[in-house]
Amino acid sequence: MSAGWFHSKPFATRLIIVATVCDITGAALGYAFHPQLGVDPIMGVVYGLVAGTIPLGLWLTMQPEVRS
C-alpha cells in the first residue's frame, strides 16, 4: 500500500480509512494501558478513542479539501 494509492482515493474514503485506523489503534491502546491508568477497561477504551481523535484532527487540518 503506497501513498499514491491512498491519495488516489476520494476525500471521503481517505477520511474513513484514517478514522478507522485511529479509532481501532486508540481503543486497543486504551484497553491495553487501563491498568497503568488505574481505570476500568471500558474507560481505558473511551480514553483511547478520545486520544485517537487527535491525530485525525491534525490530519484533517492539513488537507487542502478542508481548508478551501
PDB file of N, CA and C in Angstrom:
ATOM      1  N   MET A   1       0.853  -1.169   0.000  1.00  0.00           N
ATOM      2  CA  MET A   1       0.000   0.000   0.000  1.00  0.00           C
ATOM      3  C   MET A   1       0.900   1.233   0.000  1.00  0.00           C
ATOM      4  N   SER A   2       0.899   1.960  -1.078  1.00  0.00           N
ATOM      5  CA  SER A   2       1.758   3.124  -1.183  1.00  0.00           C
ATOM      6  C   SER A   2       0.952   4.398  -0.982  1.00  0.00           C
ATOM      7  N   ALA A   3       1.659   5.506  -0.829  1.00  0.00           N
ATOM      8  CA  ALA A   3       0.994   6.799  -0.635  1.00  0.00           C
ATOM      9  C   ALA A   3       0.192   7.188  -1.874  1.00  0.00           C
ATOM     10  N   GLY A   4       0.630   6.757  -3.046  1.00  0.00           N
ATOM     11  CA  GLY A   4      -0.122   7.046  -4.260  1.00  0.00           C
ATOM     12  C   GLY A   4      -1.490   6.394  -4.250  1.00  0.00           C
ATOM     13  N   TRP A   5      -1.562   5.194  -3.710  1.00  0.00           N
ATOM     14  CA  TRP A   5      -2.843   4.510  -3.608  1.00  0.00           C
ATOM     15  C   TRP A   5      -3.780   5.283  -2.688  1.00  0.00           C
ATOM     16  N   PHE A   6      -3.271   5.726  -1.560  1.00  0.00           N
ATOM     17  CA  PHE A   6      -4.086   6.439  -0.588  1.00  0.00           C
ATOM     18  C   PHE A   6      -4.559   7.769  -1.138  1.00  0.00           C
ATOM     19  N   HIS A   7      -3.668   8.509  -1.774  1.00  0.00           N
ATOM     20  CA  HIS A   7      -4.026   9.835  -2.287  1.00  0.00           C
ATOM     21  C   HIS A   7      -4.892   9.764  -3.544  1.00  0.00           C
ATOM     22  N   SER A   8      -4.972   8.621  -4.171  1.00  0.00           N
ATOM     23  CA  SER A   8      -5.827   8.493  -5.346  1.00  0.00           C
ATOM     24  C   SER A   8      -7.290   8.287  -4.958  1.00  0.00           C
ATOM     25  N   LYS A   9      -7.553   7.986  -3.683  1.00  0.00           N
ATOM     26  CA  LYS A   9      -8.924   7.777  -3.211  1.00  0.00           C
ATOM     27  C   LYS A   9      -9.623   9.116  -3.007  1.00  0.00           C
ATOM     28  N   PRO A  10     -10.956   9.145  -3.122  1.00  0.00           N
ATOM     29  CA  PRO A  10     -11.693  10.377  -2.818  1.00  0.00           C
ATOM     30  C   PRO A  10     -11.504  10.763  -1.348  1.00  0.00           C
ATOM     31  N   PHE A  11     -11.735  12.038  -1.056  1.00  0.00           N
ATOM     32  CA  PHE A  11     -11.509  12.539   0.302  1.00  0.00           C
ATOM     33  C   PHE A  11     -12.334  11.779   1.338  1.00  0.00           C
ATOM     34  N   ALA A  12     -13.592  11.483   1.049  1.00  0.00           N
ATOM     35  CA  ALA A  12     -14.453  10.776   1.999  1.00  0.00           C
ATOM     36  C   ALA A  12     -13.901   9.397   2.328  1.00  0.00           C
ATOM     37  N   THR A  13     -13.354   8.713   1.340  1.00  0.00           N
ATOM     38  CA  THR A  13     -12.778   7.391   1.569  1.00  0.00           C
ATOM     39  C   THR A  13     -11.526   7.500   2.430  1.00  0.00           C
ATOM     40  N   ARG A  14     -10.689   8.490   2.161  1.00  0.00           N
ATOM     41  CA  ARG A  14      -9.489   8.689   2.960  1.00  0.00           C
ATOM     42  C   ARG A  14      -9.846   9.014   4.403  1.00  0.00           C
ATOM     43  N   LEU A  15     -10.894   9.806   4.593  1.00  0.00           N
ATOM     44  CA  LEU A  15     -11.333  10.153   5.941  1.00  0.00           C
ATOM     45  C   LEU A  15     -11.780   8.906   6.711  1.00  0.00           C
ATOM     46  N   ILE A  16     -12.523   8.042   6.056  1.00  0.00           N
ATOM     47  CA  ILE A  16     -12.980   6.809   6.704  1.00  0.00           C
ATOM     48  C   ILE A  16     -11.802   5.905   7.048  1.00  0.00           C
ATOM     49  N   ILE A  17     -10.830   5.799   6.156  1.00  0.00           N
ATOM     50  CA  ILE A  17      -9.649   4.959   6.415  1.00  0.00           C
ATOM     51  C   ILE A  17      -8.872   5.481   7.612  1.00  0.00           C
ATOM     52  N   VAL A  18      -8.605   6.780   7.644  1.00  0.00           N
ATOM     53  CA  VAL A  18      -7.827   7.364   8.743  1.00  0.00           C
ATOM     54  C   VAL A  18      -8.599   7.258  10.058  1.00  0.00           C
ATOM     55  N   ALA A  19      -9.894   7.529  10.035  1.00  0.00           N
ATOM     56  CA  ALA A  19     -10.701   7.438  11.250  1.00  0.00           C
ATOM     57  C   ALA A  19     -10.739   6.014  11.780  1.00  0.00           C
ATOM     58  N   THR A  20     -10.865   5.047  10.894  1.00  0.00           N
ATOM     59  CA  THR A  20     -10.895   3.646  11.317  1.00  0.00           C
ATOM     60  C   THR A  20      -9.580   3.231  11.960  1.00  0.00           C
ATOM     61  N   VAL A  21      -8.479   3.592  11.344  1.00  0.00           N
ATOM     62  CA  VAL A  21      -7.166   3.239  11.884  1.00  0.00           C
ATOM     63  C   VAL A  21      -6.946   3.916  13.235  1.00  0.00           C
ATOM     64  N   CYS A  22      -7.268   5.201  13.341  1.00  0.00           N
ATOM     65  CA  CYS A  22      -7.064   5.927  14.598  1.00  0.00           C
ATOM     66  C   CYS A  22      -7.967   5.390  15.704  1.00  0.00           C
ATOM     67  N   ASP A  23      -9.220   5.095  15.381  1.00  0.00           N
ATOM     68  CA  ASP A  23     -10.145   4.588  16.399  1.00  0.00           C
ATOM     69  C   ASP A  23      -9.740   3.212  16.902  1.00  0.00           C
ATOM     70  N   ILE A  24      -9.403   2.319  15.992  1.00  0.00           N
ATOM     71  CA  ILE A  24      -9.010   0.967  16.404  1.00  0.00           C
ATOM     72  C   ILE A  24      -7.727   1.005  17.222  1.00  0.00           C
ATOM     73  N   THR A  25      -6.761   1.782  16.770  1.00  0.00           N
ATOM     74  CA  THR A  25      -5.495   1.884  17.494  1.00  0.00           C
ATOM     75  C   THR A  25      -5.701   2.509  18.870  1.00  0.00           C
ATOM     76  N   GLY A  26      -6.479   3.596  18.930  1.00  0.00           N
ATOM     77  CA  GLY A  26      -6.725   4.253  20.214  1.00  0.00           C
ATOM     78  C   GLY A  26      -7.460   3.359  21.185  1.00  0.00           C
ATOM     79  N   ALA A  27      -8.492   2.654  20.713  1.00  0.00           N
ATOM     80  CA  ALA A  27      -9.257   1.766  21.587  1.00  0.00           C
ATOM     81  C   ALA A  27      -8.386   0.622  22.096  1.00  0.00           C
ATOM     82  N   ALA A  28      -7.582   0.039  21.226  1.00  0.00           N
ATOM     83  CA  ALA A  28      -6.724  -1.074  21.635  1.00  0.00           C
ATOM     84  C   ALA A  28      -5.670  -0.624  22.641  1.00  0.00           C
ATOM     85  N   LEU A  29      -5.060   0.516  22.398  1.00  0.00           N
ATOM     86  CA  LEU A  29      -4.042   1.007  23.334  1.00  0.00           C
ATOM     87  C   LEU A  29      -4.674   1.436  24.653  1.00  0.00           C
ATOM     88  N   GLY A  30      -5.861   2.031  24.590  1.00  0.00           N
ATOM     89  CA  GLY A  30      -6.547   2.400  25.826  1.00  0.00           C
ATOM     90  C   GLY A  30      -6.887   1.186  26.656  1.00  0.00           C
ATOM     91  N   TYR A  31      -7.332   0.121  26.003  1.00  0.00           N
ATOM     92  CA  TYR A  31      -7.633  -1.116  26.722  1.00  0.00           C
ATOM     93  C   TYR A  31      -6.349  -1.733  27.298  1.00  0.00           C
ATOM     94  N   ALA A  32      -5.278  -1.682  26.515  1.00  0.00           N
ATOM     95  CA  ALA A  32      -4.026  -2.287  26.965  1.00  0.00           C
ATOM     96  C   ALA A  32      -3.422  -1.539  28.155  1.00  0.00           C
ATOM     97  N   PHE A  33      -3.608  -0.223  28.202  1.00  0.00           N
ATOM     98  CA  PHE A  33      -2.987   0.580  29.260  1.00  0.00           C
ATOM     99  C   PHE A  33      -3.930   0.936  30.397  1.00  0.00           C
ATOM    100  N   HIS A  34      -5.139   0.356  30.425  1.00  0.00           N
ATOM    101  CA  HIS A  34      -6.068   0.715  31.503  1.00  0.00           C
ATOM    102  C   HIS A  34      -5.541   0.372  32.893  1.00  0.00           C
ATOM    103  N   PRO A  35      -4.767  -0.702  33.093  1.00  0.00           N
ATOM    104  CA  PRO A  35      -4.251  -0.935  34.451  1.00  0.00           C
ATOM    105  C   PRO A  35      -3.283   0.170  34.904  1.00  0.00           C
ATOM    106  N   GLN A  36      -2.449   0.640  33.978  1.00  0.00           N
ATOM    107  CA  GLN A  36      -1.494   1.694  34.332  1.00  0.00           C
ATOM    108  C   GLN A  36      -2.205   3.018  34.603  1.00  0.00           C
ATOM    109  N   LEU A  37      -3.368   3.229  33.958  1.00  0.00           N
ATOM    110  CA  LEU A  37      -4.133   4.451  34.189  1.00  0.00           C
ATOM    111  C   LEU A  37      -4.973   4.351  35.456  1.00  0.00           C
ATOM    112  N   GLY A  38      -5.174   3.154  35.941  1.00  0.00           N
ATOM    113  CA  GLY A  38      -5.944   2.946  37.151  1.00  0.00           C
ATOM    114  C   GLY A  38      -7.443   3.113  36.954  1.00  0.00           C
ATOM    115  N   VAL A  39      -7.940   2.736  35.769  1.00  0.00           N
ATOM    116  CA  VAL A  39      -9.366   2.865  35.468  1.00  0.00           C
ATOM    117  C   VAL A  39      -9.908   1.510  35.007  1.00  0.00           C
ATOM    118  N   ASP A  40     -11.236   1.441  34.888  1.00  0.00           N
ATOM    119  CA  ASP A  40     -11.875   0.239  34.356  1.00  0.00           C
ATOM    120  C   ASP A  40     -11.508   0.074  32.886  1.00  0.00           C
ATOM    121  N   PRO A  41     -11.587  -1.157  32.356  1.00  0.00           N
ATOM    122  CA  PRO A  41     -11.254  -1.388  30.947  1.00  0.00           C
ATOM    123  C   PRO A  41     -12.080  -0.528  29.978  1.00  0.00           C
ATOM    124  N   ILE A  42     -13.380  -0.360  30.257  1.00  0.00           N
ATOM    125  CA  ILE A  42     -14.198   0.419  29.324  1.00  0.00           C
ATOM    126  C   ILE A  42     -13.777   1.890  29.309  1.00  0.00           C
ATOM    127  N   MET A  43     -13.356   2.411  30.458  1.00  0.00           N
ATOM    128  CA  MET A  43     -12.878   3.794  30.495  1.00  0.00           C
ATOM    129  C   MET A  43     -11.538   3.921  29.782  1.00  0.00           C
ATOM    130  N   GLY A  44     -10.712   2.889  29.846  1.00  0.00           N
ATOM    131  CA  GLY A  44      -9.474   2.903  29.085  1.00  0.00           C
ATOM    132  C   GLY A  44      -9.741   2.977  27.595  1.00  0.00           C
ATOM    133  N   VAL A  45     -10.750   2.228  27.146  1.00  0.00           N
ATOM    134  CA  VAL A  45     -11.129   2.267  25.733  1.00  0.00           C
ATOM    135  C   VAL A  45     -11.648   3.659  25.370  1.00  0.00           C
ATOM    136  N   VAL A  46     -12.475   4.234  26.229  1.00  0.00           N
ATOM    137  CA  VAL A  46     -13.010   5.581  25.955  1.00  0.00           C
ATOM    138  C   VAL A  46     -11.877   6.599  25.891  1.00  0.00           C
ATOM    139  N   TYR A  47     -10.950   6.537  26.836  1.00  0.00           N
ATOM    140  CA  TYR A  47      -9.801   7.451  26.808  1.00  0.00           C
ATOM    141  C   TYR A  47      -8.976   7.250  25.537  1.00  0.00           C
ATOM    142  N   GLY A  48      -8.815   6.009  25.124  1.00  0.00           N
ATOM    143  CA  GLY A  48      -8.076   5.732  23.896  1.00  0.00           C
ATOM    144  C   GLY A  48      -8.778   6.283  22.663  1.00  0.00           C
ATOM    145  N   LEU A  49     -10.107   6.183  22.624  1.00  0.00           N
ATOM    146  CA  LEU A  49     -10.857   6.739  21.492  1.00  0.00           C
ATOM    147  C   LEU A  49     -10.743   8.254  21.452  1.00  0.00           C
ATOM    148  N   VAL A  50     -10.807   8.886  22.620  1.00  0.00           N
ATOM    149  CA  VAL A  50     -10.651  10.340  22.665  1.00  0.00           C
ATOM    150  C   VAL A  50      -9.244  10.731  22.213  1.00  0.00           C
ATOM    151  N   ALA A  51      -8.246   9.998  22.683  1.00  0.00           N
ATOM    152  CA  ALA A  51      -6.869  10.294  22.274  1.00  0.00           C
ATOM    153  C   ALA A  51      -6.657  10.000  20.795  1.00  0.00           C
ATOM    154  N   GLY A  52      -7.396   9.049  20.240  1.00  0.00           N
ATOM    155  CA  GLY A  52      -7.270   8.720  18.824  1.00  0.00           C
ATOM    156  C   GLY A  52      -7.804   9.796  17.902  1.00  0.00           C
ATOM    157  N   THR A  53      -8.640  10.694  18.423  1.00  0.00           N
ATOM    158  CA  THR A  53      -9.152  11.773  17.582  1.00  0.00           C
ATOM    159  C   THR A  53      -8.122  12.865  17.341  1.00  0.00           C
ATOM    160  N   ILE A  54      -7.084  12.914  18.159  1.00  0.00           N
ATOM    161  CA  ILE A  54      -6.060  13.958  17.994  1.00  0.00           C
ATOM    162  C   ILE A  54      -5.326  13.811  16.663  1.00  0.00           C
ATOM    163  N   PRO A  55      -4.780  12.619  16.316  1.00  0.00           N
ATOM    164  CA  PRO A  55      -4.129  12.524  15.010  1.00  0.00           C
ATOM    165  C   PRO A  55      -5.107  12.713  13.852  1.00  0.00           C
ATOM    166  N   LEU A  56      -6.358  12.298  14.045  1.00  0.00           N
ATOM    167  CA  LEU A  56      -7.364  12.501  12.997  1.00  0.00           C
ATOM    168  C   LEU A  56      -7.593  13.988  12.775  1.00  0.00           C
ATOM    169  N   GLY A  57      -7.729  14.737  13.854  1.00  0.00           N
ATOM    170  CA  GLY A  57      -7.918  16.185  13.729  1.00  0.00           C
ATOM    171  C   GLY A  57      -6.726  16.871  13.085  1.00  0.00           C
ATOM    172  N   LEU A  58      -5.524  16.434  13.454  1.00  0.00           N
ATOM    173  CA  LEU A  58      -4.331  17.011  12.835  1.00  0.00           C
ATOM    174  C   LEU A  58      -4.268  16.688  11.350  1.00  0.00           C
ATOM    175  N   TRP A  59      -4.633  15.466  10.996  1.00  0.00           N
ATOM    176  CA  TRP A  59      -4.636  15.081   9.585  1.00  0.00           C
ATOM    177  C   TRP A  59      -5.652  15.915   8.816  1.00  0.00           C
ATOM    178  N   LEU A  60      -6.825  16.122   9.417  1.00  0.00           N
ATOM    179  CA  LEU A  60      -7.867  16.904   8.743  1.00  0.00           C
ATOM    180  C   LEU A  60      -7.431  18.337   8.495  1.00  0.00           C
ATOM    181  N   THR A  61      -6.728  18.948   9.441  1.00  0.00           N
ATOM    182  CA  THR A  61      -6.323  20.339   9.270  1.00  0.00           C
ATOM    183  C   THR A  61      -5.277  20.508   8.175  1.00  0.00           C
ATOM    184  N   MET A  62      -4.574  19.442   7.819  1.00  0.00           N
ATOM    185  CA  MET A  62      -3.558  19.533   6.782  1.00  0.00           C
ATOM    186  C   MET A  62      -4.093  19.232   5.385  1.00  0.00           C
ATOM    187  N   GLN A  63      -5.374  18.891   5.275  1.00  0.00           N
ATOM    188  CA  GLN A  63      -5.933  18.544   3.981  1.00  0.00           C
ATOM    189  C   GLN A  63      -6.404  19.768   3.225  1.00  0.00           C
ATOM    190  N   PRO A  64      -5.997  19.928   1.968  1.00  0.00           N
ATOM    191  CA  PRO A  64      -6.431  21.087   1.191  1.00  0.00           C
ATOM    192  C   PRO A  64      -7.950  21.109   0.942  1.00  0.00           C
ATOM    193  N   GLU A  65      -8.586  19.946   0.940  1.00  0.00           N
ATOM    194  CA  GLU A  65     -10.020  19.890   0.715  1.00  0.00           C
ATOM    195  C   GLU A  65     -10.786  20.561   1.856  1.00  0.00           C
ATOM    196  N   VAL A  66     -10.232  20.521   3.046  1.00  0.00           N
ATOM    197  CA  VAL A  66     -10.883  21.104   4.221  1.00  0.00           C
ATOM    198  C   VAL A  66     -10.597  22.592   4.301  1.00  0.00           C
ATOM    199  N   ARG A  67      -9.402  22.996   3.937  1.00  0.00           N
ATOM    200  CA  ARG A  67      -9.006  24.400   4.050  1.00  0.00           C
ATOM    201  C   ARG A  67      -9.674  25.295   3.034  1.00  0.00           C
ATOM    202  N   SER A  68     -10.111  24.761   1.925  1.00  0.00           N
ATOM    203  CA  SER A  68     -10.673  25.616   0.873  1.00  0.00           C
ATOM    204  C   SER A  68     -12.137  25.916   1.088  1.00  0.00           C
TER     205      SER A  68
END
